[in-house]
Amino acid sequence: MEIPRELIYEDKKEIQQFGINDEKTLNHLIYEKWLLTRTDLQPLETGLSKRRLNVFNDAYYICRLILMHPTSEGFASYAVERCSIPSVVLPMVYLYISKVGDCRYSNSRLLEDIKTGLKSKGWEGNLNELINSTSTFTGTILSSEFEQRELTSDLLSRSRWYKITGGYKREGIWKIVRYLAKNEKEWVMVLDAIRNGASEYEWDYNNNLQDYFDDESGQWVADTPIDLSPTYQYIDELKEKYEKESIHEERILTQTVDACTVSLVNNGDNFVLNEPTEIAPKGRPKAQPFESFLKRDTPKCFMEILDEMLKGKKGQGAALIISACIDYWIITPTIQSVVNSFPSVKYSAFNEAMKKNTLFTNEQKEEIRKEIRSKIEEMSSDRP
């Protein structure tokens, strides 16, 4: 399946939009201390500003892909083929990912993979040069810096859905909606756009049928009309079934480097989304066990502690505890994985509370984390 770049990332038109004039930003250091000194971006070179703008856009786009699906498989070859200056873009990607402070997965292995790719391409020196040039930046950046673009009806109406969905096949529709849609509104928008695209394709096809002479049979043969009514029915079923449900539960996001099924493959301005490895009956993704969302360095006693703390918690109380654990001991779990693992937690109440987790203060979350750390220390000291 090919996912057009424009559906994921919107290229900025001016380099100033990357905050290069703000001395407090990482991009200011990248621009002033590194890009302006590079021999392949000399000040007098024709089209220089456009090339530097392309470098930032390419780096942000690839970071967006990594944050959506953290895998480096095929990443280097894609970047080499499609980036304006890969030897500059890839070191920037490494630096950005290393500075993201709210990743929903452990990125140490991912960074090592990128670094290995840079070394094999002979660009490790560029990375070291970039790191040294930006060493005065000691803070972090948020993943929202590389936020997936907002989908609009106009944008979706211009997409080539026949190609994207593999000819309006059910599995193609199923995957693209779960990949692109971030919420219920976008879920419906994408389905509507695919339906409209199918209707236009069917009308154009059936109104341009022609008779042709078949040399093998020696007869005139008429093209066969197509009927996409099964496609419309499937789309309507999906809308009816999921319109009021949380898209977070339906997207195929493994969110871990080991389990991720997505890889980037060079294909023009698109990338290819691999087939998912497990699909439950009727096209629903199988619910992952909660343990699959644990970070690698999470203590073994963590699940026992969490199980005890979540007893009797149904909605808001459970959401506070889970929210406090995210990025410390777990990556963001699916709602169903939590409900399946902790009996007292109720789907609707917990789902609603998690949607409003911004109501929880940092102080509230830190209190939960202190309690968990204390229990981990206590249990670890009690065990040989």
Protein backbone atom coordinates (compact mmCIF):
# COMPACT_ATOMS: atom_id res chain seq x y z
CA MET A 1 0.00 0.00 0.00
CA GLU A 2 1.37 3.41 -0.95
CA ILE A 3 0.80 6.33 1.42
CA PRO A 4 1.28 9.70 -0.31
CA ARG A 5 3.62 12.05 1.55
CA GLU A 6 1.13 14.91 1.47
CA LEU A 7 -1.36 12.93 3.56
CA ILE A 8 1.16 12.67 6.40
CA TYR A 9 3.28 15.80 6.33
CA GLU A 10 2.67 19.29 4.97
CA ASP A 11 5.86 20.88 3.69
CA LYS A 12 6.54 24.33 5.08
CA LYS A 13 6.92 27.11 2.51
CA GLU A 14 9.39 29.33 4.40
CA ILE A 15 12.49 28.27 6.31
CA GLN A 16 11.64 30.77 9.06
CA GLN A 17 8.69 28.55 9.95
CA PHE A 18 11.19 26.13 11.50
CA GLY A 19 12.09 28.69 14.18
CA ILE A 20 15.64 29.29 12.97
CA ASN A 21 15.53 32.89 14.21
CA ASP A 22 14.74 31.91 17.80
CA GLU A 23 18.09 31.55 19.57
CA LYS A 24 16.57 29.20 22.15
CA THR A 25 15.62 26.53 19.63
CA LEU A 26 17.56 23.52 18.40
CA ASN A 27 16.77 24.51 14.83
CA HIS A 28 18.56 27.84 15.33
CA LEU A 29 21.74 25.98 16.26
CA ILE A 30 21.36 23.49 13.42
CA TYR A 31 20.96 26.34 10.95
CA GLU A 32 23.52 28.81 12.29
CA LYS A 33 26.22 26.45 13.55
CA TRP A 34 25.97 23.63 11.02
CA LEU A 35 24.02 24.26 7.83
CA LEU A 36 25.66 27.63 7.19
CA THR A 37 29.11 26.04 7.48
CA ARG A 38 28.57 23.06 5.20
CA THR A 39 30.53 22.94 1.98
CA ASP A 40 27.61 21.37 0.11
CA LEU A 41 25.47 24.38 1.04
CA GLN A 42 27.75 27.25 0.11
CA PRO A 43 26.24 30.76 0.48
CA LEU A 44 26.77 31.68 -3.17
CA GLU A 45 25.26 28.52 -4.59
CA THR A 46 22.17 29.00 -6.78
CA GLY A 47 18.93 27.96 -5.09
CA LEU A 48 20.58 27.75 -1.68
CA SER A 49 17.59 28.86 0.40
CA LYS A 50 15.36 26.32 -1.35
CA ARG A 51 17.83 23.52 -0.66
CA ARG A 52 18.04 24.38 3.03
CA LEU A 53 14.26 24.52 3.23
CA ASN A 54 14.08 21.09 1.58
CA VAL A 55 16.55 19.71 4.12
CA PHE A 56 14.34 20.76 7.04
CA ASN A 57 11.16 19.50 5.37
CA ASP A 58 12.72 16.13 4.54
CA ALA A 59 14.04 15.70 8.09
CA TYR A 60 10.68 16.58 9.65
CA TYR A 61 8.82 14.25 7.29
CA ILE A 62 11.05 11.30 8.12
CA CYS A 63 10.78 12.05 11.85
CA ARG A 64 7.00 12.00 11.41
CA LEU A 65 7.22 8.54 9.85
CA ILE A 66 9.45 7.25 12.63
CA LEU A 67 7.17 8.58 15.36
CA MET A 68 4.10 7.10 13.68
CA HIS A 69 5.74 3.70 13.26
CA PRO A 70 9.11 3.33 15.00
CA THR A 71 11.09 1.13 12.64
CA SER A 72 14.23 1.80 10.67
CA GLU A 73 13.79 -1.07 8.22
CA GLY A 74 14.27 0.30 4.72
CA PHE A 75 14.59 3.77 6.20
CA ALA A 76 18.11 4.58 4.96
CA SER A 77 17.47 3.46 1.38
CA TYR A 78 14.26 5.48 1.25
CA ALA A 79 15.98 8.59 2.56
CA VAL A 80 18.93 8.24 0.18
CA GLU A 81 16.63 8.05 -2.82
CA ARG A 82 14.15 10.76 -1.88
CA CYS A 83 15.88 13.29 0.39
CA SER A 84 17.36 16.41 -1.13
CA ILE A 85 20.71 15.88 0.66
CA PRO A 86 20.67 12.54 2.56
CA SER A 87 24.10 13.11 4.10
CA VAL A 88 22.64 16.17 5.84
CA VAL A 89 19.08 15.01 6.44
CA LEU A 90 19.87 11.70 8.16
CA PRO A 91 22.14 13.20 10.84
CA MET A 92 19.40 15.77 11.53
CA VAL A 93 16.86 12.96 11.91
CA TYR A 94 19.11 11.18 14.41
CA LEU A 95 19.57 14.38 16.42
CA TYR A 96 15.85 15.18 16.45
CA ILE A 97 14.80 11.70 17.55
CA SER A 98 17.46 11.66 20.27
CA LYS A 99 16.03 14.91 21.67
CA VAL A 100 12.33 13.93 21.66
CA GLY A 101 11.40 13.78 25.32
CA ASP A 102 7.94 12.22 25.12
CA CYS A 103 8.46 9.21 22.84
CA ARG A 104 5.95 6.43 23.42
CA TYR A 105 8.62 3.81 22.94
CA SER A 106 12.22 3.20 23.91
CA ASN A 107 14.25 4.74 21.10
CA SER A 108 17.75 3.50 22.05
CA ARG A 109 17.69 0.64 19.54
CA LEU A 110 16.18 2.83 16.85
CA LEU A 111 18.94 5.43 17.29
CA GLU A 112 21.57 2.72 17.15
CA ASP A 113 20.08 1.44 13.89
CA ILE A 114 20.13 4.94 12.38
CA LYS A 115 23.70 5.47 13.55
CA THR A 116 24.76 2.15 12.00
CA GLY A 117 23.15 3.24 8.73
CA LEU A 118 24.99 6.58 8.85
CA LYS A 119 28.28 4.79 9.43
CA SER A 120 27.72 2.41 6.52
CA LYS A 121 26.98 5.34 4.22
CA GLY A 122 30.05 7.25 5.38
CA TRP A 123 27.99 9.97 7.04
CA GLU A 124 28.89 9.27 10.67
CA GLY A 125 31.36 12.16 10.53
CA ASN A 126 28.51 14.51 9.61
CA LEU A 127 26.54 13.30 12.63
CA ASN A 128 29.45 13.89 15.01
CA GLU A 129 29.93 17.32 13.49
CA LEU A 130 26.24 18.14 13.96
CA ILE A 131 26.20 16.91 17.57
CA ASN A 132 29.24 19.02 18.42
CA SER A 133 27.74 22.08 16.70
CA THR A 134 24.55 21.84 18.75
CA SER A 135 26.08 20.77 22.08
CA THR A 136 24.91 23.94 23.83
CA PHE A 137 21.30 22.77 23.48
CA THR A 138 20.64 20.72 26.60
CA GLY A 139 16.85 20.57 26.54
CA THR A 140 14.36 18.27 24.84
CA ILE A 141 11.70 18.72 22.17
CA LEU A 142 8.17 17.34 22.03
CA SER A 143 6.98 14.80 19.49
CA SER A 144 4.29 17.34 18.55
CA GLU A 145 7.09 19.24 16.78
CA PHE A 146 6.68 16.61 14.04
CA GLU A 147 2.92 16.38 14.31
CA GLN A 148 0.99 14.50 11.63
CA ARG A 149 -0.81 16.98 9.43
CA GLU A 150 -4.50 17.62 9.91
CA LEU A 151 -6.65 15.97 7.29
CA THR A 152 -9.23 18.03 5.43
CA SER A 153 -12.00 17.07 3.05
CA ASP A 154 -10.29 19.03 0.27
CA LEU A 155 -6.97 17.26 0.79
CA LEU A 156 -8.60 13.84 0.87
CA SER A 157 -10.69 14.57 -2.22
CA ARG A 158 -7.48 15.05 -4.22
CA SER A 159 -6.01 11.68 -3.26
CA ARG A 160 -5.77 8.77 -5.72
CA TRP A 161 -7.75 6.29 -3.69
CA TYR A 162 -7.84 3.59 -6.36
CA LYS A 163 -4.06 3.29 -6.18
CA ILE A 164 -3.81 3.81 -2.41
CA THR A 165 -6.34 1.08 -1.59
CA GLY A 166 -5.12 -1.33 -4.23
CA GLY A 167 -8.26 -1.03 -6.35
CA TYR A 168 -10.74 -0.34 -3.52
CA LYS A 169 -10.05 -3.67 -1.89
CA ARG A 170 -11.43 -4.23 1.60
CA GLU A 171 -8.04 -4.84 3.17
CA GLY A 172 -6.66 -1.71 1.53
CA ILE A 173 -9.50 0.41 2.88
CA TRP A 174 -9.18 -1.20 6.31
CA LYS A 175 -5.47 -0.41 6.59
CA ILE A 176 -5.40 3.12 5.22
CA VAL A 177 -8.19 4.37 7.48
CA ARG A 178 -6.54 2.99 10.59
CA TYR A 179 -3.19 4.39 9.51
CA LEU A 180 -4.31 7.93 8.75
CA ALA A 181 -7.22 8.64 11.11
CA LYS A 182 -6.26 10.12 14.49
CA ASN A 183 -9.81 10.51 15.77
CA GLU A 184 -13.43 9.68 14.99
CA LYS A 185 -13.92 12.76 12.82
CA GLU A 186 -11.00 11.90 10.54
CA TRP A 187 -12.12 8.27 10.49
CA VAL A 188 -15.42 9.28 8.89
CA MET A 189 -13.76 11.84 6.60
CA VAL A 190 -11.36 9.27 5.14
CA LEU A 191 -14.13 6.74 4.61
CA ASP A 192 -16.30 9.34 2.90
CA ALA A 193 -13.42 10.39 0.64
CA ILE A 194 -12.75 6.77 -0.36
CA ARG A 195 -16.45 6.24 -1.07
CA ASN A 196 -16.63 9.36 -3.24
CA GLY A 197 -13.47 8.31 -5.05
CA ALA A 198 -14.90 4.86 -5.74
CA SER A 199 -18.14 6.35 -7.04
CA GLU A 200 -16.31 8.67 -9.44
CA TYR A 201 -14.03 5.87 -10.61
CA GLU A 202 -16.98 3.55 -11.24
CA TRP A 203 -18.89 6.21 -13.17
CA ASP A 204 -15.88 7.15 -15.33
CA TYR A 205 -15.03 3.54 -16.04
CA ASN A 206 -18.54 2.46 -16.98
CA ASN A 207 -19.11 5.52 -19.15
CA ASN A 208 -15.96 4.95 -21.16
CA LEU A 209 -16.47 1.31 -22.06
CA GLN A 210 -15.48 0.38 -25.59
CA ASP A 211 -15.82 -2.58 -27.90
CA TYR A 212 -12.53 -3.99 -29.12
CA PHE A 213 -11.49 -6.65 -31.61
CA ASP A 214 -9.91 -9.72 -30.05
CA ASP A 215 -7.33 -11.15 -32.47
CA GLU A 216 -7.29 -14.53 -30.75
CA SER A 217 -11.04 -15.17 -30.98
CA GLY A 218 -11.57 -13.13 -34.11
CA GLN A 219 -14.59 -11.42 -32.55
CA TRP A 220 -15.64 -8.04 -31.24
CA VAL A 221 -15.72 -8.03 -27.44
CA ALA A 222 -17.32 -5.52 -25.09
CA ASP A 223 -15.63 -4.34 -21.88
CA THR A 224 -17.28 -5.63 -18.72
CA PRO A 225 -18.84 -2.97 -16.48
CA ILE A 226 -17.65 -2.85 -12.90
CA ASP A 227 -19.87 -2.84 -9.83
CA LEU A 228 -18.39 -1.30 -6.68
CA SER A 229 -21.53 -1.70 -4.58
CA PRO A 230 -19.72 -4.20 -2.28
CA THR A 231 -17.17 -1.47 -1.60
CA TYR A 232 -19.87 1.03 -0.67
CA GLN A 233 -21.51 -1.53 1.58
CA TYR A 234 -18.23 -2.28 3.35
CA ILE A 235 -17.52 1.42 3.89
CA ASP A 236 -21.00 2.00 5.27
CA GLU A 237 -20.56 -0.96 7.61
CA LEU A 238 -17.27 0.47 8.90
CA LYS A 239 -18.82 3.89 9.45
CA GLU A 240 -21.76 2.43 11.30
CA LYS A 241 -19.57 0.15 13.38
CA TYR A 242 -16.81 2.54 14.37
CA GLU A 243 -18.22 6.04 14.09
CA LYS A 244 -18.87 6.24 17.81
CA GLU A 245 -15.90 4.16 18.94
CA SER A 246 -12.36 5.17 19.79
CA ILE A 247 -10.05 5.01 16.79
CA HIS A 248 -7.18 4.50 19.20
CA GLU A 249 -8.42 0.95 19.69
CA GLU A 250 -8.65 0.16 15.98
CA ARG A 251 -5.37 1.49 14.56
CA ILE A 252 -2.62 -1.03 13.91
CA LEU A 253 0.08 0.67 15.96
CA THR A 254 2.39 -1.77 17.69
CA GLN A 255 4.41 1.21 19.03
CA THR A 256 7.48 -0.89 19.75
CA VAL A 257 10.51 -1.40 17.55
CA ASP A 258 10.42 -5.19 17.87
CA ALA A 259 6.70 -5.64 17.17
CA CYS A 260 6.26 -2.96 14.49
CA THR A 261 5.09 -4.37 11.13
CA VAL A 262 5.67 -1.22 9.06
CA SER A 263 8.69 -0.60 6.85
CA LEU A 264 9.64 2.19 4.48
CA VAL A 265 10.37 1.23 0.90
CA ASN A 266 11.51 3.61 -1.83
CA ASN A 267 8.57 4.33 -4.10
CA GLY A 268 8.61 7.85 -5.48
CA ASP A 269 7.23 10.33 -2.99
CA ASN A 270 5.39 7.57 -1.17
CA PHE A 271 6.30 4.86 1.24
CA VAL A 272 4.95 1.33 1.37
CA LEU A 273 3.04 0.03 4.36
CA ASN A 274 3.71 -3.67 4.92
CA GLU A 275 0.90 -6.14 5.51
CA PRO A 276 -0.05 -6.48 9.20
CA THR A 277 1.08 -9.79 10.67
CA GLU A 278 -2.10 -10.53 12.65
CA ILE A 279 -5.67 -9.74 11.70
CA ALA A 280 -8.56 -10.97 13.79
CA PRO A 281 -11.89 -12.13 12.31
CA LYS A 282 -13.92 -9.53 10.42
CA GLY A 283 -10.85 -7.33 9.92
CA ARG A 284 -10.46 -6.25 13.55
CA PRO A 285 -6.89 -6.16 14.89
CA LYS A 286 -6.18 -8.58 17.72
CA ALA A 287 -5.88 -6.91 21.10
CA GLN A 288 -2.28 -6.89 22.29
CA PRO A 289 -1.53 -8.05 25.83
CA PHE A 290 -0.76 -5.23 28.22
CA GLU A 291 2.69 -6.70 28.87
CA SER A 292 3.68 -5.90 25.27
CA PHE A 293 3.55 -2.21 26.16
CA LEU A 294 6.10 -2.51 28.97
CA LYS A 295 9.45 -0.83 28.36
CA ARG A 296 12.44 -3.12 28.21
CA ASP A 297 13.98 -1.89 31.45
CA THR A 298 10.74 -2.07 33.45
CA PRO A 299 11.23 -4.16 36.65
CA LYS A 300 9.53 -7.55 36.71
CA CYS A 301 7.59 -6.60 39.84
CA PHE A 302 5.92 -3.67 38.04
CA MET A 303 2.90 -5.68 36.84
CA GLU A 304 2.28 -6.97 40.35
CA ILE A 305 2.40 -3.42 41.71
CA LEU A 306 0.13 -2.07 38.98
CA ASP A 307 -2.37 -4.87 39.47
CA GLU A 308 -2.63 -4.02 43.17
CA MET A 309 -2.96 -0.26 42.55
CA LEU A 310 -5.69 -0.69 39.92
CA LYS A 311 -7.91 -2.93 42.02
CA GLY A 312 -11.34 -1.32 42.30
CA LYS A 313 -10.41 1.45 39.84
CA LYS A 314 -12.85 1.82 36.93
CA GLY A 315 -12.34 5.07 35.06
CA GLN A 316 -10.68 8.27 36.20
CA GLY A 317 -8.64 6.63 38.97
CA ALA A 318 -7.31 4.01 36.57
CA ALA A 319 -6.61 6.64 33.90
CA LEU A 320 -4.54 8.70 36.35
CA ILE A 321 -2.39 5.70 37.27
CA ILE A 322 -1.87 4.59 33.67
CA SER A 323 -1.12 8.16 32.54
CA ALA A 324 1.50 8.51 35.28
CA CYS A 325 3.22 5.33 34.09
CA ILE A 326 3.43 6.30 30.41
CA ASP A 327 7.00 7.10 29.26
CA TYR A 328 8.37 5.81 32.58
CA TRP A 329 7.51 2.11 32.67
CA ILE A 330 5.15 1.70 29.70
CA ILE A 331 4.45 3.08 26.27
CA THR A 332 0.88 4.20 25.59
CA PRO A 333 -1.26 1.04 25.76
CA THR A 334 -4.52 0.42 23.93
CA ILE A 335 -7.70 0.79 25.94
CA GLN A 336 -8.63 -2.84 25.34
CA SER A 337 -5.27 -4.12 26.59
CA VAL A 338 -5.82 -2.33 29.91
CA VAL A 339 -9.40 -3.58 30.23
CA ASN A 340 -8.35 -7.14 29.43
CA SER A 341 -5.55 -7.15 32.00
CA PHE A 342 -7.20 -5.38 34.93
CA PRO A 343 -10.73 -6.68 35.68
CA SER A 344 -12.13 -3.68 37.56
CA VAL A 345 -11.34 -1.20 34.76
CA LYS A 346 -14.40 -0.46 32.61
CA TYR A 347 -13.91 0.27 28.92
CA SER A 348 -16.22 3.28 28.45
CA ALA A 349 -15.29 5.01 31.72
CA PHE A 350 -11.57 4.43 31.28
CA ASN A 351 -11.64 5.44 27.60
CA GLU A 352 -13.45 8.69 28.39
CA ALA A 353 -11.05 9.50 31.22
CA MET A 354 -7.98 8.83 29.08
CA LYS A 355 -9.28 11.23 26.45
CA LYS A 356 -9.29 13.88 29.17
CA ASN A 357 -6.00 12.93 30.81
CA THR A 358 -4.75 16.51 30.39
CA LEU A 359 -6.93 17.25 33.42
CA PHE A 360 -4.42 15.34 35.53
CA THR A 361 -1.70 17.63 36.88
CA ASN A 362 1.99 16.80 36.84
CA GLU A 363 1.88 16.86 40.64
CA GLN A 364 -0.84 14.18 40.69
CA LYS A 365 1.11 11.99 38.29
CA GLU A 366 4.34 12.46 40.20
CA GLU A 367 2.66 11.31 43.40
CA ILE A 368 1.67 8.07 41.64
CA ARG A 369 5.19 7.64 40.30
CA LYS A 370 6.71 8.16 43.76
CA GLU A 371 4.42 5.47 45.14
CA ILE A 372 5.39 3.05 42.38
CA ARG A 373 9.12 3.76 42.78
CA SER A 374 8.82 3.17 46.51
CA LYS A 375 7.06 -0.15 45.98
CA ILE A 376 9.61 -1.22 43.36
CA GLU A 377 12.47 -0.42 45.73
CA GLU A 378 10.73 -2.23 48.58
CA MET A 379 9.93 -5.34 46.55
CA SER A 380 13.37 -5.45 44.96
CA SER A 381 15.09 -5.34 48.34
CA ASP A 382 12.86 -8.15 49.64
CA ARG A 383 13.81 -10.48 46.82
CA PRO A 384 17.16 -12.21 46.37
